[in-house]
């Protein structure tokens, strides 16, 4: 997709072989017809970005109860190899909050990462759980967003921790200075996510894991009108490529300003990208 400004992808993974073939993702591999490769070189990831007109991608680490699935160091390696194309997003050990605070601080101050991503369903702990709160405070001090998956889960894990209301609602009340990005649009609770993004100045939505043709009508209307500064484009690569996510983009009916905000400027502003 050609644009004069270059698209920014707000949610990507550059995965390790162990991550791709993790038993947790068997359901996703089944949905995708077994089309996910077992190993992905950086050149392949960059080629898929080029095909879609993606100039930069925010690549995230994954940390779960059993340890790192994609480590912060592995993210740093791909970012350092291609600093003009990739931006790092950290993940940390939720069970040891102070260890997590120190690691987040290191990732931002030393590695140049631009945010923290935690997956509540992976821990089966909603965002209101006490383990998260030191991390929220550190995100505020560092000036970086915290990113969650909201909505149901693809892997065979409970979806309840991904419900926007009451969990994201209560966190936003407790930490009014915290920037929160809810990824995967919140389906089947997308209207709840829209309500929170409308209610709170620092709450945003990203569209990762969804193709344009699957965006709920309420989200499209929000993007066209008063939510044009609140929604960020994401793909969730390698589960989906940006090119596949953006197929039929013109059917959204976004004007030029709304399109640029969605594809580039909102992510640039929220993550404080140069």
C-alpha atoms as a PDB file:
ATOM      1  CA  UNK A   1       0.000   0.000   0.000  1.00  0.00           C
ATOM      2  CA  UNK A   2       1.605   3.246  -1.143  1.00  0.00           C
ATOM      3  CA  UNK A   3       1.459   6.300   1.107  1.00  0.00           C
ATOM      4  CA  UNK A   4       3.609   9.457   1.100  1.00  0.00           C
ATOM      5  CA  UNK A   5       4.420   9.028   4.803  1.00  0.00           C
ATOM      6  CA  UNK A   6       5.055   5.308   5.396  1.00  0.00           C
ATOM      7  CA  UNK A   7       2.915   3.071   7.614  1.00  0.00           C
ATOM      8  CA  UNK A   8       3.871   2.205  11.200  1.00  0.00           C
ATOM      9  CA  UNK A   9       2.803  -1.226  12.475  1.00  0.00           C
ATOM     10  CA  UNK A  10       1.983  -0.945  16.198  1.00  0.00           C
ATOM     11  CA  UNK A  11       2.034  -4.690  16.973  1.00  0.00           C
ATOM     12  CA  UNK A  12       4.464  -7.158  15.466  1.00  0.00           C
ATOM     13  CA  UNK A  13       6.553 -10.064  16.638  1.00  0.00           C
ATOM     14  CA  UNK A  14       9.815 -11.146  15.068  1.00  0.00           C
ATOM     15  CA  UNK A  15       9.493 -14.629  16.468  1.00  0.00           C
ATOM     16  CA  UNK A  16      11.956 -17.341  17.364  1.00  0.00           C
ATOM     17  CA  UNK A  17      11.310 -20.916  16.130  1.00  0.00           C
ATOM     18  CA  UNK A  18      10.337 -21.928  19.657  1.00  0.00           C
ATOM     19  CA  UNK A  19       7.737 -19.174  19.776  1.00  0.00           C
ATOM     20  CA  UNK A  20       6.179 -20.078  16.431  1.00  0.00           C
ATOM     21  CA  UNK A  21       5.889 -23.772  17.251  1.00  0.00           C
ATOM     22  CA  UNK A  22       4.805 -23.318  20.868  1.00  0.00           C
ATOM     23  CA  UNK A  23       1.883 -25.692  21.651  1.00  0.00           C
ATOM     24  CA  UNK A  24      -0.133 -22.673  22.827  1.00  0.00           C
ATOM     25  CA  UNK A  25      -0.481 -21.505  19.217  1.00  0.00           C
ATOM     26  CA  UNK A  26      -1.811 -24.766  17.800  1.00  0.00           C
ATOM     27  CA  UNK A  27      -5.284 -23.235  17.456  1.00  0.00           C
ATOM     28  CA  UNK A  28      -3.842 -20.254  15.538  1.00  0.00           C
ATOM     29  CA  UNK A  29      -1.881 -22.541  13.218  1.00  0.00           C
ATOM     30  CA  UNK A  30      -5.074 -24.491  12.594  1.00  0.00           C
ATOM     31  CA  UNK A  31      -7.018 -21.317  11.724  1.00  0.00           C
ATOM     32  CA  UNK A  32      -4.252 -20.257   9.364  1.00  0.00           C
ATOM     33  CA  UNK A  33      -4.207 -23.627   7.639  1.00  0.00           C
ATOM     34  CA  UNK A  34      -0.703 -24.441   8.834  1.00  0.00           C
ATOM     35  CA  UNK A  35       0.689 -21.551   6.797  1.00  0.00           C
ATOM     36  CA  UNK A  36       3.056 -20.212   9.478  1.00  0.00           C
ATOM     37  CA  UNK A  37       6.714 -21.056   8.712  1.00  0.00           C
ATOM     38  CA  UNK A  38       8.820 -22.661  11.432  1.00  0.00           C
ATOM     39  CA  UNK A  39      11.612 -20.086  11.119  1.00  0.00           C
ATOM     40  CA  UNK A  40      11.501 -16.485   9.957  1.00  0.00           C
ATOM     41  CA  UNK A  41      14.665 -14.556   9.045  1.00  0.00           C
ATOM     42  CA  UNK A  42      14.643 -10.799   9.495  1.00  0.00           C
ATOM     43  CA  UNK A  43      14.818 -10.384   5.714  1.00  0.00           C
ATOM     44  CA  UNK A  44      11.463 -12.146   5.369  1.00  0.00           C
ATOM     45  CA  UNK A  45       9.866  -9.865   7.959  1.00  0.00           C
ATOM     46  CA  UNK A  46      11.273  -6.801   6.204  1.00  0.00           C
ATOM     47  CA  UNK A  47      10.033  -8.039   2.821  1.00  0.00           C
ATOM     48  CA  UNK A  48       6.476  -8.390   4.142  1.00  0.00           C
ATOM     49  CA  UNK A  49       6.698  -4.866   5.541  1.00  0.00           C
ATOM     50  CA  UNK A  50       7.958  -3.493   2.235  1.00  0.00           C
ATOM     51  CA  UNK A  51       5.141  -5.199   0.364  1.00  0.00           C
ATOM     52  CA  UNK A  52       2.572  -3.384   2.520  1.00  0.00           C
ATOM     53  CA  UNK A  53       4.386  -0.039   2.636  1.00  0.00           C
ATOM     54  CA  UNK A  54       5.222  -0.410   6.346  1.00  0.00           C
ATOM     55  CA  UNK A  55       8.166   1.867   7.170  1.00  0.00           C
ATOM     56  CA  UNK A  56       8.578   0.884  10.831  1.00  0.00           C
ATOM     57  CA  UNK A  57       7.352  -1.935  13.047  1.00  0.00           C
ATOM     58  CA  UNK A  58       7.053  -2.127  16.822  1.00  0.00           C
ATOM     59  CA  UNK A  59       8.359  -5.621  17.645  1.00  0.00           C
ATOM     60  CA  UNK A  60       7.568  -7.013  21.064  1.00  0.00           C
ATOM     61  CA  UNK A  61       9.036  -9.453  23.513  1.00  0.00           C
ATOM     62  CA  UNK A  62       6.855 -12.104  25.165  1.00  0.00           C
ATOM     63  CA  UNK A  63       7.199 -13.112  28.801  1.00  0.00           C
ATOM     64  CA  UNK A  64       4.926 -15.715  30.394  1.00  0.00           C
ATOM     65  CA  UNK A  65       4.717 -17.650  33.650  1.00  0.00           C
ATOM     66  CA  UNK A  66       7.271 -20.188  32.393  1.00  0.00           C
ATOM     67  CA  UNK A  67       9.752 -17.506  31.338  1.00  0.00           C
ATOM     68  CA  UNK A  68      10.568 -15.556  28.161  1.00  0.00           C
ATOM     69  CA  UNK A  69       9.050 -16.828  24.906  1.00  0.00           C
ATOM     70  CA  UNK A  70      10.742 -14.018  22.956  1.00  0.00           C
ATOM     71  CA  UNK A  71      13.305 -12.351  25.198  1.00  0.00           C
ATOM     72  CA  UNK A  72      14.044  -8.650  25.387  1.00  0.00           C
ATOM     73  CA  UNK A  73      17.581  -9.460  24.251  1.00  0.00           C
ATOM     74  CA  UNK A  74      16.276 -11.223  21.137  1.00  0.00           C
ATOM     75  CA  UNK A  75      14.149  -8.181  20.342  1.00  0.00           C
ATOM     76  CA  UNK A  76      17.143  -5.917  20.916  1.00  0.00           C
ATOM     77  CA  UNK A  77      19.226  -7.975  18.490  1.00  0.00           C
ATOM     78  CA  UNK A  78      16.788  -7.532  15.592  1.00  0.00           C
ATOM     79  CA  UNK A  79      16.283  -3.840  16.452  1.00  0.00           C
ATOM     80  CA  UNK A  80      20.047  -3.243  16.520  1.00  0.00           C
ATOM     81  CA  UNK A  81      20.456  -5.027  13.193  1.00  0.00           C
ATOM     82  CA  UNK A  82      17.768  -2.854  11.547  1.00  0.00           C
ATOM     83  CA  UNK A  83      17.383   0.289  13.676  1.00  0.00           C
ATOM     84  CA  UNK A  84      15.715   2.235  10.889  1.00  0.00           C
ATOM     85  CA  UNK A  85      12.906  -0.345  10.598  1.00  0.00           C
ATOM     86  CA  UNK A  86      12.271  -1.897  14.033  1.00  0.00           C
ATOM     87  CA  UNK A  87      11.409  -0.440  17.442  1.00  0.00           C
ATOM     88  CA  UNK A  88      11.501  -2.573  20.592  1.00  0.00           C
ATOM     89  CA  UNK A  89       8.631  -3.168  23.030  1.00  0.00           C
ATOM     90  CA  UNK A  90       9.532  -4.888  26.302  1.00  0.00           C
ATOM     91  CA  UNK A  91       7.884  -7.650  28.298  1.00  0.00           C
ATOM     92  CA  UNK A  92       8.789  -8.706  31.843  1.00  0.00           C
ATOM     93  CA  UNK A  93       8.152 -11.220  34.622  1.00  0.00           C
ATOM     94  CA  UNK A  94       4.818 -10.261  36.168  1.00  0.00           C
ATOM     95  CA  UNK A  95       5.305 -12.608  39.133  1.00  0.00           C
ATOM     96  CA  UNK A  96       8.329 -10.574  40.311  1.00  0.00           C
ATOM     97  CA  UNK A  97       7.228  -6.952  39.980  1.00  0.00           C
ATOM     98  CA  UNK A  98      10.426  -5.300  41.226  1.00  0.00           C
ATOM     99  CA  UNK A  99      12.536  -7.480  38.948  1.00  0.00           C
ATOM    100  CA  UNK A 100      10.121  -6.472  36.202  1.00  0.00           C
ATOM    101  CA  UNK A 101      10.458  -2.773  37.042  1.00  0.00           C
ATOM    102  CA  UNK A 102      14.250  -2.970  36.834  1.00  0.00           C
ATOM    103  CA  UNK A 103      14.120  -4.858  33.538  1.00  0.00           C
ATOM    104  CA  UNK A 104      11.636  -2.399  32.054  1.00  0.00           C
ATOM    105  CA  UNK A 105      13.860   0.469  33.149  1.00  0.00           C
ATOM    106  CA  UNK A 106      16.863  -1.196  31.497  1.00  0.00           C
ATOM    107  CA  UNK A 107      14.956  -1.852  28.275  1.00  0.00           C
ATOM    108  CA  UNK A 108      13.841   1.765  27.963  1.00  0.00           C
ATOM    109  CA  UNK A 109      16.952   3.575  29.203  1.00  0.00           C
ATOM    110  CA  UNK A 110      19.651   1.290  27.811  1.00  0.00           C
ATOM    111  CA  UNK A 111      18.059  -0.524  24.869  1.00  0.00           C
ATOM    112  CA  UNK A 112      15.861   2.330  23.656  1.00  0.00           C
ATOM    113  CA  UNK A 113      12.581   0.403  23.831  1.00  0.00           C
ATOM    114  CA  UNK A 114       9.396   2.472  23.566  1.00  0.00           C
ATOM    115  CA  UNK A 115       6.829   0.600  25.652  1.00  0.00           C
ATOM    116  CA  UNK A 116       5.789  -2.410  27.724  1.00  0.00           C
ATOM    117  CA  UNK A 117       3.504  -5.173  26.461  1.00  0.00           C
ATOM    118  CA  UNK A 118       1.810  -7.572  28.861  1.00  0.00           C
ATOM    119  CA  UNK A 119      -0.733 -10.238  27.880  1.00  0.00           C
ATOM    120  CA  UNK A 120      -3.234 -10.699  30.726  1.00  0.00           C
ATOM    121  CA  UNK A 121      -4.586 -13.960  29.294  1.00  0.00           C
ATOM    122  CA  UNK A 122      -1.099 -15.484  29.291  1.00  0.00           C
ATOM    123  CA  UNK A 123      -0.899 -14.992  33.074  1.00  0.00           C
ATOM    124  CA  UNK A 124      -4.645 -15.420  33.663  1.00  0.00           C
ATOM    125  CA  UNK A 125      -4.469 -12.189  35.673  1.00  0.00           C
ATOM    126  CA  UNK A 126      -6.580  -9.152  34.691  1.00  0.00           C
ATOM    127  CA  UNK A 127      -4.874  -5.740  34.458  1.00  0.00           C
ATOM    128  CA  UNK A 128      -6.273  -4.760  37.878  1.00  0.00           C
ATOM    129  CA  UNK A 129      -4.204  -7.431  39.624  1.00  0.00           C
ATOM    130  CA  UNK A 130      -1.731  -5.971  42.152  1.00  0.00           C
ATOM    131  CA  UNK A 131       1.273  -7.507  40.323  1.00  0.00           C
ATOM    132  CA  UNK A 132       0.900  -4.980  37.481  1.00  0.00           C
ATOM    133  CA  UNK A 133       0.769  -1.818  39.557  1.00  0.00           C
ATOM    134  CA  UNK A 134       4.514  -1.231  40.108  1.00  0.00           C
ATOM    135  CA  UNK A 135       4.955  -1.621  36.341  1.00  0.00           C
ATOM    136  CA  UNK A 136       2.287   1.003  35.651  1.00  0.00           C
ATOM    137  CA  UNK A 137       4.032   3.429  37.977  1.00  0.00           C
ATOM    138  CA  UNK A 138       7.345   2.828  36.201  1.00  0.00           C
ATOM    139  CA  UNK A 139       5.738   3.305  32.770  1.00  0.00           C
ATOM    140  CA  UNK A 140       4.498   6.707  33.957  1.00  0.00           C
ATOM    141  CA  UNK A 141       7.957   7.643  35.245  1.00  0.00           C
ATOM    142  CA  UNK A 142       9.619   6.498  32.006  1.00  0.00           C
ATOM    143  CA  UNK A 143       6.966   8.125  29.813  1.00  0.00           C
ATOM    144  CA  UNK A 144       6.114   4.961  27.854  1.00  0.00           C
ATOM    145  CA  UNK A 145       2.778   3.231  27.138  1.00  0.00           C
ATOM    146  CA  UNK A 146       1.633  -0.084  28.534  1.00  0.00           C
ATOM    147  CA  UNK A 147       0.066  -2.300  25.878  1.00  0.00           C
ATOM    148  CA  UNK A 148      -2.410  -5.137  26.471  1.00  0.00           C
ATOM    149  CA  UNK A 149      -4.333  -7.580  24.371  1.00  0.00           C
ATOM    150  CA  UNK A 150      -8.016  -6.888  24.863  1.00  0.00           C
ATOM    151  CA  UNK A 151     -10.875  -9.133  23.788  1.00  0.00           C
ATOM    152  CA  UNK A 152     -11.066 -12.889  23.438  1.00  0.00           C
ATOM    153  CA  UNK A 153      -8.009 -15.111  23.098  1.00  0.00           C
ATOM    154  CA  UNK A 154      -7.036 -17.252  20.108  1.00  0.00           C
ATOM    155  CA  UNK A 155      -5.053 -19.745  22.209  1.00  0.00           C
ATOM    156  CA  UNK A 156      -7.041 -22.057  24.481  1.00  0.00           C
ATOM    157  CA  UNK A 157      -6.887 -19.765  27.517  1.00  0.00           C
ATOM    158  CA  UNK A 158      -9.632 -17.873  29.382  1.00  0.00           C
ATOM    159  CA  UNK A 159     -10.733 -14.662  27.705  1.00  0.00           C
ATOM    160  CA  UNK A 160     -12.079 -12.880  30.790  1.00  0.00           C
ATOM    161  CA  UNK A 161      -8.779 -11.076  31.618  1.00  0.00           C
ATOM    162  CA  UNK A 162      -9.100  -9.331  28.247  1.00  0.00           C
ATOM    163  CA  UNK A 163     -12.407  -7.654  28.975  1.00  0.00           C
ATOM    164  CA  UNK A 164     -11.993  -3.839  28.817  1.00  0.00           C
ATOM    165  CA  UNK A 165     -14.666  -3.050  31.431  1.00  0.00           C
ATOM    166  CA  UNK A 166     -14.078  -3.228  34.350  1.00  0.00           C
ATOM    167  CA  UNK A 167     -10.331  -3.916  34.108  1.00  0.00           C
ATOM    168  CA  UNK A 168      -8.892  -1.269  31.768  1.00  0.00           C
ATOM    169  CA  UNK A 169     -11.474   1.163  33.115  1.00  0.00           C
ATOM    170  CA  UNK A 170     -10.216   0.788  36.694  1.00  0.00           C
ATOM    171  CA  UNK A 171      -6.535   0.972  35.720  1.00  0.00           C
ATOM    172  CA  UNK A 172      -7.147   4.192  33.784  1.00  0.00           C
ATOM    173  CA  UNK A 173      -8.881   5.663  36.850  1.00  0.00           C
ATOM    174  CA  UNK A 174      -6.036   4.661  39.162  1.00  0.00           C
ATOM    175  CA  UNK A 175      -3.310   5.917  36.793  1.00  0.00           C
ATOM    176  CA  UNK A 176      -4.602   8.958  34.884  1.00  0.00           C
ATOM    177  CA  UNK A 177      -1.058   9.718  33.635  1.00  0.00           C
ATOM    178  CA  UNK A 178      -0.595   6.218  32.179  1.00  0.00           C
ATOM    179  CA  UNK A 179      -0.926   5.728  28.424  1.00  0.00           C
ATOM    180  CA  UNK A 180      -2.766   2.467  27.649  1.00  0.00           C
ATOM    181  CA  UNK A 181      -3.032   0.772  24.249  1.00  0.00           C
ATOM    182  CA  UNK A 182      -5.563  -2.040  23.886  1.00  0.00           C
ATOM    183  CA  UNK A 183      -4.548  -4.317  21.023  1.00  0.00           C
ATOM    184  CA  UNK A 184      -6.747  -6.708  18.994  1.00  0.00           C
ATOM    185  CA  UNK A 185      -9.687  -4.205  19.109  1.00  0.00           C
ATOM    186  CA  UNK A 186     -11.395  -5.874  22.084  1.00  0.00           C
ATOM    187  CA  UNK A 187     -13.797  -8.138  20.173  1.00  0.00           C
ATOM    188  CA  UNK A 188     -16.439  -9.193  21.226  1.00  0.00           C
ATOM    189  CA  UNK A 189     -16.284  -6.180  23.579  1.00  0.00           C
ATOM    190  CA  UNK A 190     -15.148  -3.637  20.994  1.00  0.00           C
ATOM    191  CA  UNK A 191     -17.868  -1.177  22.021  1.00  0.00           C
ATOM    192  CA  UNK A 192     -16.494  -1.272  25.576  1.00  0.00           C
ATOM    193  CA  UNK A 193     -13.032  -0.463  24.249  1.00  0.00           C
ATOM    194  CA  UNK A 194     -14.425   2.419  22.180  1.00  0.00           C
ATOM    195  CA  UNK A 195     -16.201   3.736  25.281  1.00  0.00           C
ATOM    196  CA  UNK A 196     -12.943   3.729  27.253  1.00  0.00           C
ATOM    197  CA  UNK A 197     -10.929   5.355  24.462  1.00  0.00           C
ATOM    198  CA  UNK A 198     -13.591   8.062  24.349  1.00  0.00           C
ATOM    199  CA  UNK A 199     -13.707   8.462  28.132  1.00  0.00           C
ATOM    200  CA  UNK A 200      -9.959   8.626  28.828  1.00  0.00           C
ATOM    201  CA  UNK A 201      -7.483  10.906  27.014  1.00  0.00           C
ATOM    202  CA  UNK A 202      -4.667   8.351  27.339  1.00  0.00           C
ATOM    203  CA  UNK A 203      -6.495   5.163  26.244  1.00  0.00           C
ATOM    204  CA  UNK A 204      -6.107   3.931  22.660  1.00  0.00           C
ATOM    205  CA  UNK A 205      -7.032   0.959  20.469  1.00  0.00           C
ATOM    206  CA  UNK A 206      -4.911  -0.929  17.956  1.00  0.00           C
ATOM    207  CA  UNK A 207      -6.322  -3.117  15.214  1.00  0.00           C
ATOM    208  CA  UNK A 208      -3.736  -5.932  15.319  1.00  0.00           C
ATOM    209  CA  UNK A 209      -4.912  -9.459  14.464  1.00  0.00           C
ATOM    210  CA  UNK A 210      -7.809  -8.139  12.364  1.00  0.00           C
ATOM    211  CA  UNK A 211      -8.183  -7.613   8.655  1.00  0.00           C
ATOM    212  CA  UNK A 212      -9.981  -4.516   7.416  1.00  0.00           C
ATOM    213  CA  UNK A 213     -12.969  -6.580   6.323  1.00  0.00           C
ATOM    214  CA  UNK A 214     -13.414  -7.828   9.897  1.00  0.00           C
ATOM    215  CA  UNK A 215     -13.409  -4.446  11.639  1.00  0.00           C
ATOM    216  CA  UNK A 216     -16.727  -4.034  13.475  1.00  0.00           C
ATOM    217  CA  UNK A 217     -18.936  -1.296  12.045  1.00  0.00           C
ATOM    218  CA  UNK A 218     -18.806   0.614  15.346  1.00  0.00           C
ATOM    219  CA  UNK A 219     -15.007   0.790  15.151  1.00  0.00           C
ATOM    220  CA  UNK A 220     -15.034   2.005  11.547  1.00  0.00           C
ATOM    221  CA  UNK A 221     -17.508   4.751  12.423  1.00  0.00           C
ATOM    222  CA  UNK A 222     -15.332   5.753  15.378  1.00  0.00           C
ATOM    223  CA  UNK A 223     -12.246   5.942  13.135  1.00  0.00           C
ATOM    224  CA  UNK A 224     -14.077   8.141  10.642  1.00  0.00           C
ATOM    225  CA  UNK A 225     -15.318  10.653  13.209  1.00  0.00           C
ATOM    226  CA  UNK A 226     -14.445  11.494  16.820  1.00  0.00           C
ATOM    227  CA  UNK A 227     -12.090   8.536  17.271  1.00  0.00           C
ATOM    228  CA  UNK A 228      -9.760   9.409  14.412  1.00  0.00           C
ATOM    229  CA  UNK A 229      -6.924  10.212  16.847  1.00  0.00           C
ATOM    230  CA  UNK A 230      -7.510   7.136  19.017  1.00  0.00           C
ATOM    231  CA  UNK A 231      -6.965   4.088  16.765  1.00  0.00           C
ATOM    232  CA  UNK A 232      -3.602   2.672  15.660  1.00  0.00           C
ATOM    233  CA  UNK A 233      -2.868   0.224  12.852  1.00  0.00           C
ATOM    234  CA  UNK A 234      -1.340  -3.118  13.824  1.00  0.00           C
ATOM    235  CA  UNK A 235      -0.926  -6.464  12.097  1.00  0.00           C
ATOM    236  CA  UNK A 236       0.151  -9.058  14.710  1.00  0.00           C
ATOM    237  CA  UNK A 237       2.775 -10.409  12.296  1.00  0.00           C
ATOM    238  CA  UNK A 238       3.598 -13.285  11.730  1.00  0.00           C
ATOM    239  CA  UNK A 239       0.061 -14.472  12.475  1.00  0.00           C
ATOM    240  CA  UNK A 240      -1.084 -11.977   9.808  1.00  0.00           C
ATOM    241  CA  UNK A 241       0.918  -9.840   7.396  1.00  0.00           C
ATOM    242  CA  UNK A 242       0.287  -6.111   7.149  1.00  0.00           C
ATOM    243  CA  UNK A 243      -0.561  -6.554   3.475  1.00  0.00           C
ATOM    244  CA  UNK A 244      -3.352  -9.000   4.321  1.00  0.00           C
ATOM    245  CA  UNK A 245      -4.628  -6.772   7.132  1.00  0.00           C
ATOM    246  CA  UNK A 246      -4.840  -3.731   4.837  1.00  0.00           C
ATOM    247  CA  UNK A 247      -6.521  -5.439   1.872  1.00  0.00           C
ATOM    248  CA  UNK A 248      -9.612  -3.420   1.006  1.00  0.00           C
ATOM    249  CA  UNK A 249      -8.462  -0.400   3.033  1.00  0.00           C
ATOM    250  CA  UNK A 250     -10.371   2.010   0.776  1.00  0.00           C
ATOM    251  CA  UNK A 251     -13.665   0.420   1.841  1.00  0.00           C
ATOM    252  CA  UNK A 252     -13.245   2.013   5.288  1.00  0.00           C
ATOM    253  CA  UNK A 253     -14.124   5.404   3.803  1.00  0.00           C
ATOM    254  CA  UNK A 254     -11.526   7.322   5.813  1.00  0.00           C
ATOM    255  CA  UNK A 255     -10.696  10.808   4.639  1.00  0.00           C
ATOM    256  CA  UNK A 256      -7.052  11.711   4.037  1.00  0.00           C
ATOM    257  CA  UNK A 257      -6.458  13.015   7.551  1.00  0.00           C
ATOM    258  CA  UNK A 258      -8.106  10.037   9.271  1.00  0.00           C
ATOM    259  CA  UNK A 259      -6.149   7.584   7.118  1.00  0.00           C
ATOM    260  CA  UNK A 260      -2.820   9.190   7.949  1.00  0.00           C
ATOM    261  CA  UNK A 261      -3.631   9.345  11.650  1.00  0.00           C
ATOM    262  CA  UNK A 262      -4.592   5.669  11.695  1.00  0.00           C
ATOM    263  CA  UNK A 263      -1.689   4.358   9.612  1.00  0.00           C
ATOM    264  CA  UNK A 264       1.108   6.520  10.964  1.00  0.00           C
ATOM    265  CA  UNK A 265       0.642   9.628  13.072  1.00  0.00           C
ATOM    266  CA  UNK A 266      -1.308   8.168  16.013  1.00  0.00           C
ATOM    267  CA  UNK A 267       1.358   5.532  16.648  1.00  0.00           C
ATOM    268  CA  UNK A 268       4.119   8.090  16.218  1.00  0.00           C
ATOM    269  CA  UNK A 269       2.486  10.350  18.807  1.00  0.00           C
ATOM    270  CA  UNK A 270       1.476   7.664  21.341  1.00  0.00           C
ATOM    271  CA  UNK A 271       4.901   5.971  21.371  1.00  0.00           C
ATOM    272  CA  UNK A 272       6.841   9.246  21.043  1.00  0.00           C
ATOM    273  CA  UNK A 273       8.682   8.142  17.924  1.00  0.00           C
ATOM    274  CA  UNK A 274      11.070  10.504  16.211  1.00  0.00           C
END
